[in-house]
């Protein structure tokens, strides 16, 4: 009897160890990896195009911002009750435009230099849609930029002066991309700035001189 009891005890102990190990493995498998904030992984991208002998006549630097439909919706509508109006209440400098040649945008002449490309959210109280502005500024360092990798909430340069503003509306229905893409495209005397963000697209044109 004693031998049988010991054998049963060993079997029960082994079974208990097996169950505990299986439970631990199951719990480990259920453990989710730490959530990665894609906003902190954004990097500075560049799109540029030449014009005749002028290299990089139009250059755009921007952050490949991760697409968030709800967040962009706050900017499109100007309504943001979930975040106390934060997303719909600030200006969004989304790109750095550098011109190596004179150009015209929305009927305004632009001198060669650096410009912050800024989107202002819609304002339903004033019955206004989104606006896009170009604000002239001087980089702190030659060839430098105000954009910061990993900082989607970057502010416009303190010396930025708005030189032109135009209403904008992103079209819906494009194949969705998971981050902001800005491309430059030559169209005769004009250069198109093609914005693609999620399933939204916007085309703005600069006319070179």
N, C-alpha and C. Protein backbone atom coordinates (compact mmCIF):
# COMPACT_ATOMS: atom_id res chain seq x y z
N UNK A 1 0.82 -1.20 0.00
CA UNK A 1 0.00 0.00 0.00
C UNK A 1 0.86 1.25 0.00
N UNK A 2 1.92 1.21 0.81
CA UNK A 2 2.78 2.39 0.92
C UNK A 2 3.40 2.73 -0.42
N UNK A 3 3.85 1.67 -1.13
CA UNK A 3 4.46 1.90 -2.44
C UNK A 3 3.45 2.48 -3.42
N UNK A 4 2.20 1.95 -3.38
CA UNK A 4 1.18 2.45 -4.30
C UNK A 4 0.83 3.89 -3.99
N UNK A 5 0.79 4.23 -2.69
CA UNK A 5 0.47 5.61 -2.30
C UNK A 5 1.56 6.56 -2.80
N UNK A 6 2.82 6.12 -2.63
CA UNK A 6 3.92 6.97 -3.08
C UNK A 6 3.87 7.16 -4.60
N UNK A 7 3.53 6.07 -5.30
CA UNK A 7 3.44 6.17 -6.76
C UNK A 7 2.34 7.12 -7.19
N UNK A 8 1.18 7.01 -6.52
CA UNK A 8 0.09 7.92 -6.83
C UNK A 8 0.46 9.36 -6.53
N UNK A 9 1.16 9.55 -5.43
CA UNK A 9 1.58 10.90 -5.04
C UNK A 9 2.51 11.50 -6.08
N UNK A 10 3.43 10.67 -6.60
CA UNK A 10 4.36 11.14 -7.63
C UNK A 10 3.61 11.50 -8.92
N UNK A 11 2.61 10.68 -9.25
CA UNK A 11 1.83 10.94 -10.45
C UNK A 11 1.02 12.23 -10.33
N UNK A 12 0.43 12.42 -9.14
CA UNK A 12 -0.33 13.65 -8.92
C UNK A 12 0.57 14.88 -8.97
N UNK A 13 1.76 14.75 -8.40
CA UNK A 13 2.71 15.88 -8.40
C UNK A 13 3.14 16.22 -9.82
N UNK A 14 3.41 15.17 -10.62
CA UNK A 14 3.81 15.38 -12.01
C UNK A 14 2.68 16.02 -12.81
N UNK A 15 1.45 15.54 -12.56
CA UNK A 15 0.29 16.11 -13.26
C UNK A 15 0.11 17.57 -12.90
N UNK A 16 0.31 17.90 -11.62
CA UNK A 16 0.18 19.29 -11.17
C UNK A 16 1.22 20.17 -11.85
N UNK A 17 2.45 19.67 -11.94
CA UNK A 17 3.50 20.44 -12.62
C UNK A 17 3.14 20.67 -14.07
N UNK A 18 2.61 19.65 -14.72
CA UNK A 18 2.23 19.77 -16.13
C UNK A 18 1.15 20.82 -16.33
N UNK A 19 0.13 20.77 -15.46
CA UNK A 19 -0.96 21.73 -15.56
C UNK A 19 -0.44 23.14 -15.34
N UNK A 20 0.40 23.32 -14.34
CA UNK A 20 0.96 24.66 -14.05
C UNK A 20 1.79 25.17 -15.22
N UNK A 21 2.60 24.28 -15.81
CA UNK A 21 3.43 24.70 -16.94
C UNK A 21 2.57 25.08 -18.14
N UNK A 22 1.53 24.27 -18.39
CA UNK A 22 0.63 24.56 -19.52
C UNK A 22 -0.09 25.88 -19.31
N UNK A 23 -0.52 26.14 -18.07
CA UNK A 23 -1.20 27.39 -17.76
C UNK A 23 -0.29 28.58 -17.96
N UNK A 24 0.97 28.43 -17.51
CA UNK A 24 1.94 29.52 -17.66
C UNK A 24 2.20 29.81 -19.12
N UNK A 25 2.32 28.75 -19.94
CA UNK A 25 2.56 28.95 -21.38
C UNK A 25 1.37 29.63 -22.04
N UNK A 26 0.16 29.22 -21.62
CA UNK A 26 -1.04 29.83 -22.20
C UNK A 26 -1.13 31.30 -21.85
N UNK A 27 -0.82 31.63 -20.60
CA UNK A 27 -0.85 33.03 -20.18
C UNK A 27 0.21 33.85 -20.89
N UNK A 28 1.39 33.23 -21.10
CA UNK A 28 2.46 33.93 -21.81
C UNK A 28 2.06 34.21 -23.24
N UNK A 29 1.36 33.22 -23.86
CA UNK A 29 0.92 33.41 -25.23
C UNK A 29 -0.13 34.49 -25.36
N UNK A 30 -0.89 34.70 -24.28
CA UNK A 30 -1.94 35.71 -24.31
C UNK A 30 -1.41 37.10 -24.02
N UNK A 31 -0.18 37.17 -23.49
CA UNK A 31 0.39 38.47 -23.16
C UNK A 31 0.68 39.26 -24.43
N UNK A 32 0.14 40.45 -24.53
CA UNK A 32 0.32 41.27 -25.72
C UNK A 32 1.63 42.05 -25.65
N UNK A 33 2.23 42.23 -26.81
CA UNK A 33 3.46 43.03 -26.86
C UNK A 33 3.13 44.48 -26.52
N UNK A 34 4.08 45.20 -25.94
CA UNK A 34 3.84 46.61 -25.60
C UNK A 34 3.39 47.39 -26.82
N UNK A 35 2.40 48.22 -26.66
CA UNK A 35 1.86 49.01 -27.77
C UNK A 35 2.87 50.06 -28.20
N UNK A 36 3.12 50.13 -29.50
CA UNK A 36 4.09 51.08 -30.04
C UNK A 36 3.35 52.33 -30.51
N UNK A 37 3.80 53.49 -30.06
CA UNK A 37 3.22 54.75 -30.51
C UNK A 37 3.84 55.12 -31.85
N UNK A 38 3.10 54.89 -32.93
CA UNK A 38 3.63 55.12 -34.27
C UNK A 38 4.01 56.58 -34.49
N UNK A 39 3.38 57.48 -33.73
CA UNK A 39 3.70 58.90 -33.89
C UNK A 39 5.17 59.18 -33.58
N UNK A 40 5.73 58.44 -32.63
CA UNK A 40 7.11 58.67 -32.23
C UNK A 40 8.11 58.05 -33.21
N UNK A 41 7.60 57.27 -34.16
CA UNK A 41 8.47 56.62 -35.13
C UNK A 41 8.52 57.37 -36.46
N UNK A 42 7.81 58.51 -36.54
CA UNK A 42 7.78 59.25 -37.80
C UNK A 42 9.16 59.81 -38.15
N UNK A 43 9.43 59.85 -39.43
CA UNK A 43 10.71 60.37 -39.91
C UNK A 43 10.46 61.44 -40.97
N UNK A 44 11.48 62.22 -41.24
CA UNK A 44 11.37 63.29 -42.22
C UNK A 44 11.61 62.74 -43.63
N UNK A 45 10.64 62.95 -44.50
CA UNK A 45 10.72 62.51 -45.89
C UNK A 45 10.94 63.72 -46.80
N UNK A 46 11.43 63.47 -48.01
CA UNK A 46 11.70 64.56 -48.95
C UNK A 46 11.18 64.22 -50.34
N UNK A 47 10.53 65.21 -50.95
CA UNK A 47 10.12 65.11 -52.36
C UNK A 47 10.60 66.38 -53.05
N UNK A 48 11.22 66.24 -54.20
CA UNK A 48 11.77 67.41 -54.88
C UNK A 48 11.68 67.23 -56.38
N UNK A 49 11.74 68.36 -57.10
CA UNK A 49 11.68 68.32 -58.55
C UNK A 49 12.53 69.45 -59.12
N UNK A 50 13.22 69.17 -60.23
CA UNK A 50 14.05 70.18 -60.89
C UNK A 50 13.22 70.98 -61.89
N UNK A 51 13.72 72.14 -62.23
CA UNK A 51 13.09 72.97 -63.25
C UNK A 51 14.19 73.54 -64.13
N UNK A 52 14.32 72.97 -65.33
CA UNK A 52 15.40 73.41 -66.21
C UNK A 52 16.75 73.14 -65.58
N UNK A 53 17.57 74.17 -65.49
CA UNK A 53 18.90 74.01 -64.89
C UNK A 53 18.86 74.17 -63.38
N UNK A 54 17.70 74.50 -62.84
CA UNK A 54 17.59 74.70 -61.39
C UNK A 54 17.29 73.38 -60.70
N UNK A 55 18.24 72.88 -59.97
CA UNK A 55 18.06 71.62 -59.27
C UNK A 55 17.24 71.84 -58.01
N UNK A 56 16.34 70.92 -57.74
CA UNK A 56 15.45 71.03 -56.57
C UNK A 56 14.77 72.40 -56.53
N UNK A 57 14.21 72.77 -57.67
CA UNK A 57 13.51 74.06 -57.72
C UNK A 57 12.39 74.11 -56.70
N UNK A 58 11.73 72.97 -56.50
CA UNK A 58 10.70 72.83 -55.48
C UNK A 58 11.04 71.61 -54.63
N UNK A 59 11.21 71.83 -53.35
CA UNK A 59 11.51 70.73 -52.44
C UNK A 59 10.54 70.78 -51.27
N UNK A 60 10.00 69.62 -50.94
CA UNK A 60 9.09 69.52 -49.81
C UNK A 60 9.61 68.48 -48.83
N UNK A 61 9.78 68.90 -47.58
CA UNK A 61 10.10 67.97 -46.51
C UNK A 61 8.88 67.83 -45.60
N UNK A 62 8.64 66.63 -45.15
CA UNK A 62 7.44 66.40 -44.33
C UNK A 62 7.65 65.17 -43.46
N UNK A 63 6.79 65.04 -42.43
CA UNK A 63 6.80 63.84 -41.60
C UNK A 63 5.80 62.83 -42.16
N UNK A 64 6.19 61.56 -42.18
CA UNK A 64 5.27 60.52 -42.64
C UNK A 64 4.29 60.18 -41.51
N UNK A 65 3.41 61.14 -41.22
CA UNK A 65 2.47 61.03 -40.10
C UNK A 65 1.57 59.81 -40.25
N UNK A 66 1.40 59.02 -39.19
CA UNK A 66 0.50 57.86 -39.28
C UNK A 66 -0.94 58.31 -39.47
N UNK A 67 -1.68 57.59 -40.30
CA UNK A 67 -3.06 57.94 -40.60
C UNK A 67 -3.98 57.61 -39.43
N UNK A 68 -4.80 58.56 -39.06
CA UNK A 68 -5.82 58.35 -38.06
C UNK A 68 -7.09 59.03 -38.52
N UNK A 69 -8.07 58.25 -38.98
CA UNK A 69 -9.27 58.84 -39.58
C UNK A 69 -10.03 59.71 -38.59
N UNK A 70 -10.16 59.24 -37.35
CA UNK A 70 -10.90 60.03 -36.36
C UNK A 70 -10.21 61.36 -36.10
N UNK A 71 -8.88 61.31 -35.94
CA UNK A 71 -8.12 62.53 -35.67
C UNK A 71 -8.24 63.51 -36.82
N UNK A 72 -8.09 63.01 -38.06
CA UNK A 72 -8.19 63.91 -39.20
C UNK A 72 -9.60 64.44 -39.35
N UNK A 73 -10.56 63.65 -38.92
CA UNK A 73 -11.95 64.11 -38.94
C UNK A 73 -12.16 65.33 -38.07
N UNK A 74 -11.47 65.41 -36.95
CA UNK A 74 -11.57 66.59 -36.08
C UNK A 74 -11.10 67.84 -36.83
N UNK A 75 -10.06 67.67 -37.65
CA UNK A 75 -9.51 68.80 -38.41
C UNK A 75 -10.45 69.17 -39.55
N UNK A 76 -11.01 68.17 -40.21
CA UNK A 76 -11.92 68.42 -41.33
C UNK A 76 -13.21 69.12 -40.90
N UNK A 77 -13.71 68.72 -39.74
CA UNK A 77 -15.01 69.26 -39.29
C UNK A 77 -14.88 70.41 -38.32
N UNK A 78 -13.72 70.50 -37.65
CA UNK A 78 -13.56 71.52 -36.61
C UNK A 78 -14.28 71.16 -35.33
N UNK A 79 -14.69 69.91 -35.21
CA UNK A 79 -15.41 69.44 -34.02
C UNK A 79 -14.60 68.33 -33.35
N UNK A 80 -14.23 68.55 -32.11
CA UNK A 80 -13.37 67.61 -31.39
C UNK A 80 -13.78 67.54 -29.92
N UNK A 81 -14.93 66.96 -29.62
CA UNK A 81 -15.40 66.92 -28.23
C UNK A 81 -14.61 65.96 -27.35
N UNK A 82 -13.94 64.96 -27.95
CA UNK A 82 -13.25 63.95 -27.15
C UNK A 82 -11.94 64.47 -26.56
N UNK A 83 -11.38 65.50 -27.16
CA UNK A 83 -10.07 66.00 -26.71
C UNK A 83 -10.11 67.47 -26.33
N UNK A 84 -11.28 67.91 -25.88
CA UNK A 84 -11.46 69.30 -25.47
C UNK A 84 -11.07 70.29 -26.58
N UNK A 85 -11.28 69.87 -27.83
CA UNK A 85 -11.02 70.76 -28.95
C UNK A 85 -9.56 70.91 -29.32
N UNK A 86 -8.69 70.04 -28.79
CA UNK A 86 -7.25 70.21 -29.05
C UNK A 86 -6.93 70.09 -30.55
N UNK A 87 -7.35 69.00 -31.18
CA UNK A 87 -7.00 68.76 -32.58
C UNK A 87 -7.65 69.77 -33.52
N UNK A 88 -8.83 70.22 -33.17
CA UNK A 88 -9.54 71.17 -34.02
C UNK A 88 -9.22 72.62 -33.66
N UNK A 89 -8.39 72.82 -32.64
CA UNK A 89 -8.14 74.18 -32.18
C UNK A 89 -6.73 74.68 -32.39
N UNK A 90 -5.90 73.90 -33.06
CA UNK A 90 -4.51 74.34 -33.30
C UNK A 90 -4.21 74.29 -34.79
N UNK A 91 -3.18 75.05 -35.17
CA UNK A 91 -2.69 74.99 -36.55
C UNK A 91 -1.74 73.81 -36.67
N UNK A 92 -1.69 73.21 -37.86
CA UNK A 92 -0.87 72.02 -38.08
C UNK A 92 0.17 72.29 -39.17
N UNK A 93 1.43 72.59 -38.79
CA UNK A 93 2.49 72.74 -39.78
C UNK A 93 2.90 71.34 -40.25
N UNK A 94 2.51 70.97 -41.45
CA UNK A 94 2.72 69.59 -41.89
C UNK A 94 3.91 69.40 -42.82
N UNK A 95 4.45 70.50 -43.33
CA UNK A 95 5.55 70.35 -44.29
C UNK A 95 6.40 71.61 -44.35
N UNK A 96 7.58 71.45 -44.92
CA UNK A 96 8.53 72.54 -45.12
C UNK A 96 8.82 72.63 -46.61
N UNK A 97 8.36 73.72 -47.21
CA UNK A 97 8.55 73.95 -48.64
C UNK A 97 9.74 74.87 -48.86
N UNK A 98 10.64 74.45 -49.74
CA UNK A 98 11.79 75.28 -50.10
C UNK A 98 11.76 75.55 -51.60
N UNK A 99 11.79 76.82 -51.97
CA UNK A 99 11.79 77.22 -53.38
C UNK A 99 13.17 77.74 -53.76
N UNK A 100 13.72 77.19 -54.84
CA UNK A 100 15.00 77.69 -55.35
C UNK A 100 14.77 78.63 -56.52
N UNK A 101 13.50 78.83 -56.86
CA UNK A 101 13.14 79.73 -57.97
C UNK A 101 11.85 80.44 -57.61
N UNK A 102 11.60 81.62 -58.18
CA UNK A 102 10.33 82.33 -57.90
C UNK A 102 9.14 81.49 -58.36
N UNK A 103 8.02 81.66 -57.67
CA UNK A 103 6.83 80.90 -58.01
C UNK A 103 5.59 81.70 -57.63
N UNK A 104 4.46 81.26 -58.13
CA UNK A 104 3.18 81.86 -57.77
C UNK A 104 2.29 80.77 -57.18
N UNK A 105 1.62 81.10 -56.07
CA UNK A 105 0.72 80.14 -55.45
C UNK A 105 -0.56 80.87 -55.04
N UNK A 106 -1.68 80.37 -55.48
CA UNK A 106 -2.99 80.96 -55.16
C UNK A 106 -3.01 82.46 -55.46
N UNK A 107 -2.36 82.83 -56.59
CA UNK A 107 -2.37 84.22 -57.02
C UNK A 107 -1.37 85.12 -56.32
N UNK A 108 -0.54 84.54 -55.45
CA UNK A 108 0.46 85.33 -54.72
C UNK A 108 1.86 84.96 -55.18
N UNK A 109 2.68 85.97 -55.45
CA UNK A 109 4.05 85.71 -55.87
C UNK A 109 4.90 85.33 -54.65
N UNK A 110 5.71 84.30 -54.84
CA UNK A 110 6.58 83.81 -53.78
C UNK A 110 8.04 83.94 -54.20
N UNK A 111 8.84 84.51 -53.34
CA UNK A 111 10.26 84.61 -53.60
C UNK A 111 10.95 83.30 -53.21
N UNK A 112 12.12 83.03 -53.81
CA UNK A 112 12.85 81.85 -53.37
C UNK A 112 13.09 81.91 -51.86
N UNK A 113 13.01 80.77 -51.21
CA UNK A 113 13.20 80.75 -49.77
C UNK A 113 12.44 79.60 -49.13
N UNK A 114 12.23 79.71 -47.82
CA UNK A 114 11.63 78.63 -47.04
C UNK A 114 10.25 79.02 -46.54
N UNK A 115 9.33 78.05 -46.58
CA UNK A 115 7.96 78.29 -46.17
C UNK A 115 7.43 77.10 -45.37
N UNK A 116 6.75 77.39 -44.29
CA UNK A 116 6.05 76.35 -43.54
C UNK A 116 4.68 76.17 -44.19
N UNK A 117 4.33 74.92 -44.44
CA UNK A 117 3.01 74.60 -45.01
C UNK A 117 2.10 74.25 -43.83
N UNK A 118 1.08 75.08 -43.63
CA UNK A 118 0.27 74.98 -42.41
C UNK A 118 -1.20 74.77 -42.74
N UNK A 119 -1.79 73.75 -42.12
CA UNK A 119 -3.23 73.51 -42.27
C UNK A 119 -3.95 74.00 -41.02
N UNK A 120 -4.99 74.80 -41.24
CA UNK A 120 -5.83 75.27 -40.14
C UNK A 120 -7.15 74.51 -40.21
N UNK A 121 -7.59 73.91 -39.09
CA UNK A 121 -8.84 73.14 -39.10
C UNK A 121 -10.05 73.98 -39.48
N UNK A 122 -11.11 73.31 -39.89
CA UNK A 122 -12.37 73.99 -40.18
C UNK A 122 -12.90 74.66 -38.91
N UNK A 123 -13.70 75.70 -39.13
CA UNK A 123 -14.30 76.43 -38.00
C UNK A 123 -15.80 76.55 -38.26
N UNK A 124 -16.59 75.59 -37.72
CA UNK A 124 -18.03 75.61 -38.01
C UNK A 124 -18.74 76.85 -37.45
N UNK A 125 -18.23 77.42 -36.37
CA UNK A 125 -18.85 78.61 -35.79
C UNK A 125 -18.78 79.79 -36.75
N UNK A 126 -17.68 79.83 -37.53
CA UNK A 126 -17.53 80.91 -38.51
C UNK A 126 -17.86 80.45 -39.92
N UNK A 127 -18.39 79.22 -40.02
CA UNK A 127 -18.76 78.65 -41.32
C UNK A 127 -17.58 78.63 -42.28
N UNK A 128 -16.42 78.22 -41.77
CA UNK A 128 -15.21 78.15 -42.58
C UNK A 128 -14.70 76.71 -42.65
N UNK A 129 -14.23 76.33 -43.83
CA UNK A 129 -13.62 75.02 -43.98
C UNK A 129 -12.13 75.09 -43.66
N UNK A 130 -11.43 74.00 -43.95
CA UNK A 130 -9.99 73.97 -43.73
C UNK A 130 -9.28 74.99 -44.61
N UNK A 131 -8.18 75.49 -44.12
CA UNK A 131 -7.36 76.45 -44.87
C UNK A 131 -5.93 75.94 -44.92
N UNK A 132 -5.25 76.29 -46.01
CA UNK A 132 -3.83 75.99 -46.14
C UNK A 132 -3.07 77.30 -46.30
N UNK A 133 -2.02 77.47 -45.51
CA UNK A 133 -1.24 78.71 -45.56
C UNK A 133 0.23 78.39 -45.80
N UNK A 134 0.90 79.30 -46.49
CA UNK A 134 2.36 79.25 -46.61
C UNK A 134 2.90 80.40 -45.79
N UNK A 135 3.80 80.08 -44.87
CA UNK A 135 4.37 81.09 -43.99
C UNK A 135 5.88 81.14 -44.17
N UNK A 136 6.39 82.31 -44.55
CA UNK A 136 7.82 82.47 -44.80
C UNK A 136 8.58 82.46 -43.48
N UNK A 137 9.75 81.82 -43.49
CA UNK A 137 10.61 81.82 -42.29
C UNK A 137 12.05 81.57 -42.71
N UNK A 138 12.96 81.79 -41.78
CA UNK A 138 14.37 81.54 -42.04
C UNK A 138 14.85 80.44 -41.10
N UNK A 139 15.31 79.31 -41.65
CA UNK A 139 15.79 78.22 -40.79
C UNK A 139 16.94 78.67 -39.90
N UNK A 140 17.00 78.10 -38.71
CA UNK A 140 18.07 78.46 -37.77
C UNK A 140 19.44 78.10 -38.34
N UNK A 141 19.50 76.99 -39.07
CA UNK A 141 20.74 76.56 -39.72
C UNK A 141 20.53 76.43 -41.21
N UNK A 142 21.56 76.74 -41.99
CA UNK A 142 21.44 76.63 -43.44
C UNK A 142 21.04 75.21 -43.83
N UNK A 143 19.97 75.10 -44.58
CA UNK A 143 19.49 73.78 -44.99
C UNK A 143 18.71 73.05 -43.92
N UNK A 144 18.54 73.69 -42.77
CA UNK A 144 17.83 73.05 -41.66
C UNK A 144 16.32 73.13 -41.82
N UNK A 145 15.60 72.54 -40.89
CA UNK A 145 14.15 72.53 -40.94
C UNK A 145 13.57 72.61 -39.53
N UNK A 146 12.34 73.08 -39.43
CA UNK A 146 11.66 73.14 -38.14
C UNK A 146 11.05 71.79 -37.80
N UNK A 147 10.93 70.89 -38.77
CA UNK A 147 10.36 69.57 -38.54
C UNK A 147 11.25 68.76 -37.61
N UNK A 148 10.64 67.92 -36.81
CA UNK A 148 11.38 67.09 -35.87
C UNK A 148 10.87 65.65 -35.96
N UNK A 149 11.77 64.75 -36.29
CA UNK A 149 11.38 63.34 -36.37
C UNK A 149 10.78 62.90 -35.05
N UNK A 150 9.64 62.22 -35.13
CA UNK A 150 9.00 61.72 -33.93
C UNK A 150 8.11 62.70 -33.21
N UNK A 151 8.05 63.94 -33.70
CA UNK A 151 7.22 64.97 -33.05
C UNK A 151 6.11 65.41 -34.00
N UNK A 152 4.93 64.81 -33.84
CA UNK A 152 3.81 65.15 -34.74
C UNK A 152 3.12 66.43 -34.31
N UNK A 153 3.48 66.95 -33.14
CA UNK A 153 2.86 68.17 -32.64
C UNK A 153 3.80 69.37 -32.73
N UNK A 154 4.74 69.32 -33.67
CA UNK A 154 5.70 70.41 -33.83
C UNK A 154 4.96 71.72 -34.11
N UNK A 155 5.52 72.81 -33.62
CA UNK A 155 4.94 74.13 -33.84
C UNK A 155 5.60 74.80 -35.04
N UNK A 156 4.93 75.76 -35.62
CA UNK A 156 5.52 76.54 -36.71
C UNK A 156 6.67 77.38 -36.15
N UNK A 157 7.66 77.71 -36.98
CA UNK A 157 8.75 78.56 -36.52
C UNK A 157 8.22 79.87 -35.95
N UNK A 158 8.88 80.38 -34.92
CA UNK A 158 8.40 81.60 -34.26
C UNK A 158 8.42 82.81 -35.20
N UNK A 159 9.34 82.81 -36.17
CA UNK A 159 9.43 83.96 -37.08
C UNK A 159 8.59 83.76 -38.34
N UNK A 160 7.79 82.69 -38.39
CA UNK A 160 7.00 82.41 -39.59
C UNK A 160 5.94 83.49 -39.81
N UNK A 161 5.91 84.02 -41.02
CA UNK A 161 4.96 85.06 -41.39
C UNK A 161 4.11 84.57 -42.56
N UNK A 162 2.81 84.48 -42.35
CA UNK A 162 1.92 83.98 -43.40
C UNK A 162 1.91 84.95 -44.58
N UNK A 163 2.16 84.42 -45.77
CA UNK A 163 2.17 85.25 -46.98
C UNK A 163 1.00 84.95 -47.91
N UNK A 164 0.40 83.76 -47.77
CA UNK A 164 -0.74 83.43 -48.60
C UNK A 164 -1.57 82.34 -47.91
N UNK A 165 -2.89 82.44 -48.06
CA UNK A 165 -3.80 81.47 -47.48
C UNK A 165 -4.86 81.11 -48.52
N UNK A 166 -5.23 79.84 -48.57
CA UNK A 166 -6.25 79.42 -49.53
C UNK A 166 -7.11 78.31 -48.91
N UNK A 167 -8.41 78.30 -49.22
CA UNK A 167 -9.26 77.22 -48.69
C UNK A 167 -8.93 75.89 -49.36
N UNK A 168 -9.05 74.81 -48.63
CA UNK A 168 -8.75 73.49 -49.18
C UNK A 168 -9.83 72.49 -48.76
N UNK A 169 -9.94 71.44 -49.54
CA UNK A 169 -10.83 70.34 -49.20
C UNK A 169 -10.23 69.05 -49.73
N UNK A 170 -9.95 68.13 -48.84
CA UNK A 170 -9.41 66.84 -49.26
C UNK A 170 -10.52 65.99 -49.87
N UNK A 171 -10.21 65.37 -51.01
CA UNK A 171 -11.15 64.44 -51.63
C UNK A 171 -11.05 63.08 -50.96
N UNK A 172 -12.18 62.40 -50.82
CA UNK A 172 -12.20 61.08 -50.23
C UNK A 172 -12.30 60.01 -51.31
N UNK A 173 -11.96 58.78 -50.94
CA UNK A 173 -12.15 57.66 -51.85
C UNK A 173 -10.89 57.11 -52.48
N UNK A 174 -9.72 57.68 -52.17
CA UNK A 174 -8.48 57.15 -52.74
C UNK A 174 -8.09 55.86 -52.02
N UNK A 175 -7.28 55.01 -52.67
CA UNK A 175 -6.77 53.83 -51.96
C UNK A 175 -6.06 54.28 -50.68
N UNK A 176 -6.38 53.63 -49.58
CA UNK A 176 -5.88 54.10 -48.29
C UNK A 176 -4.39 53.78 -48.09
N UNK A 177 -3.67 54.76 -47.55
CA UNK A 177 -2.27 54.57 -47.14
C UNK A 177 -2.21 54.83 -45.64
N UNK A 178 -1.26 54.20 -44.96
CA UNK A 178 -1.23 54.30 -43.50
C UNK A 178 -0.40 55.46 -42.98
N UNK A 179 0.08 56.32 -43.89
CA UNK A 179 0.86 57.48 -43.44
C UNK A 179 0.77 58.58 -44.51
N UNK A 180 1.17 59.77 -44.12
CA UNK A 180 1.15 60.90 -45.06
C UNK A 180 2.22 60.73 -46.14
N UNK A 181 1.80 60.98 -47.38
CA UNK A 181 2.73 60.98 -48.52
C UNK A 181 2.52 62.28 -49.29
N UNK A 182 3.61 62.99 -49.56
CA UNK A 182 3.55 64.19 -50.39
C UNK A 182 4.50 63.99 -51.57
N UNK A 183 3.98 64.16 -52.77
CA UNK A 183 4.79 63.99 -53.96
C UNK A 183 4.78 65.26 -54.79
N UNK A 184 5.89 65.50 -55.51
CA UNK A 184 5.96 66.63 -56.44
C UNK A 184 5.82 66.09 -57.85
N UNK A 185 5.09 66.83 -58.69
CA UNK A 185 4.84 66.38 -60.06
C UNK A 185 4.87 67.58 -61.02
N UNK A 186 5.65 67.47 -62.07
CA UNK A 186 5.75 68.56 -63.05
C UNK A 186 4.53 68.53 -63.97
N UNK A 187 3.88 69.68 -64.13
CA UNK A 187 2.71 69.80 -65.00
C UNK A 187 2.87 71.07 -65.83
N UNK A 188 3.65 70.98 -66.91
CA UNK A 188 3.94 72.15 -67.73
C UNK A 188 4.77 73.15 -66.95
N UNK A 189 4.26 74.37 -66.83
CA UNK A 189 4.96 75.40 -66.06
C UNK A 189 4.66 75.30 -64.56
N UNK A 190 3.78 74.38 -64.23
CA UNK A 190 3.39 74.25 -62.82
C UNK A 190 4.02 73.00 -62.19
N UNK A 191 4.09 73.05 -60.88
CA UNK A 191 4.51 71.88 -60.10
C UNK A 191 3.38 71.56 -59.13
N UNK A 192 2.87 70.36 -59.24
CA UNK A 192 1.78 69.94 -58.35
C UNK A 192 2.36 69.35 -57.07
N UNK A 193 1.76 69.72 -55.97
CA UNK A 193 2.06 69.09 -54.68
C UNK A 193 0.89 68.15 -54.40
N UNK A 194 1.16 66.87 -54.46
CA UNK A 194 0.12 65.85 -54.27
C UNK A 194 0.17 65.31 -52.85
N UNK A 195 -0.88 65.57 -52.09
CA UNK A 195 -0.98 65.10 -50.72
C UNK A 195 -1.87 63.85 -50.69
N UNK A 196 -1.41 62.80 -50.06
CA UNK A 196 -2.18 61.57 -49.92
C UNK A 196 -2.08 61.13 -48.46
N UNK A 197 -3.23 61.13 -47.78
CA UNK A 197 -3.25 60.82 -46.35
C UNK A 197 -4.46 59.94 -46.06
N UNK A 198 -4.22 58.69 -45.69
CA UNK A 198 -5.33 57.76 -45.53
C UNK A 198 -6.02 57.57 -46.86
N UNK A 199 -7.34 57.82 -46.89
CA UNK A 199 -8.08 57.75 -48.16
C UNK A 199 -8.41 59.14 -48.69
N UNK A 200 -7.68 60.16 -48.20
CA UNK A 200 -7.90 61.54 -48.63
C UNK A 200 -6.76 62.01 -49.53
N UNK A 201 -7.09 62.83 -50.52
CA UNK A 201 -6.07 63.41 -51.40
C UNK A 201 -6.34 64.88 -51.62
N UNK A 202 -5.26 65.60 -51.87
CA UNK A 202 -5.34 67.04 -52.15
C UNK A 202 -4.23 67.38 -53.14
N UNK A 203 -4.55 68.20 -54.13
CA UNK A 203 -3.56 68.65 -55.11
C UNK A 203 -3.51 70.17 -55.10
N UNK A 204 -2.33 70.73 -54.86
CA UNK A 204 -2.11 72.17 -54.92
C UNK A 204 -1.00 72.46 -55.90
N UNK A 205 -1.12 73.56 -56.66
CA UNK A 205 -0.15 73.84 -57.74
C UNK A 205 0.63 75.11 -57.50
N UNK A 206 1.90 75.03 -57.80
CA UNK A 206 2.79 76.18 -57.83
C UNK A 206 3.17 76.45 -59.27
N UNK A 207 3.13 77.70 -59.71
CA UNK A 207 3.56 78.05 -61.05
C UNK A 207 4.94 78.68 -60.97
N UNK A 208 5.89 78.05 -61.63
CA UNK A 208 7.26 78.54 -61.61
C UNK A 208 7.47 79.63 -62.64
N UNK A 209 8.40 80.54 -62.36
CA UNK A 209 8.72 81.62 -63.30
C UNK A 209 10.10 81.41 -63.89
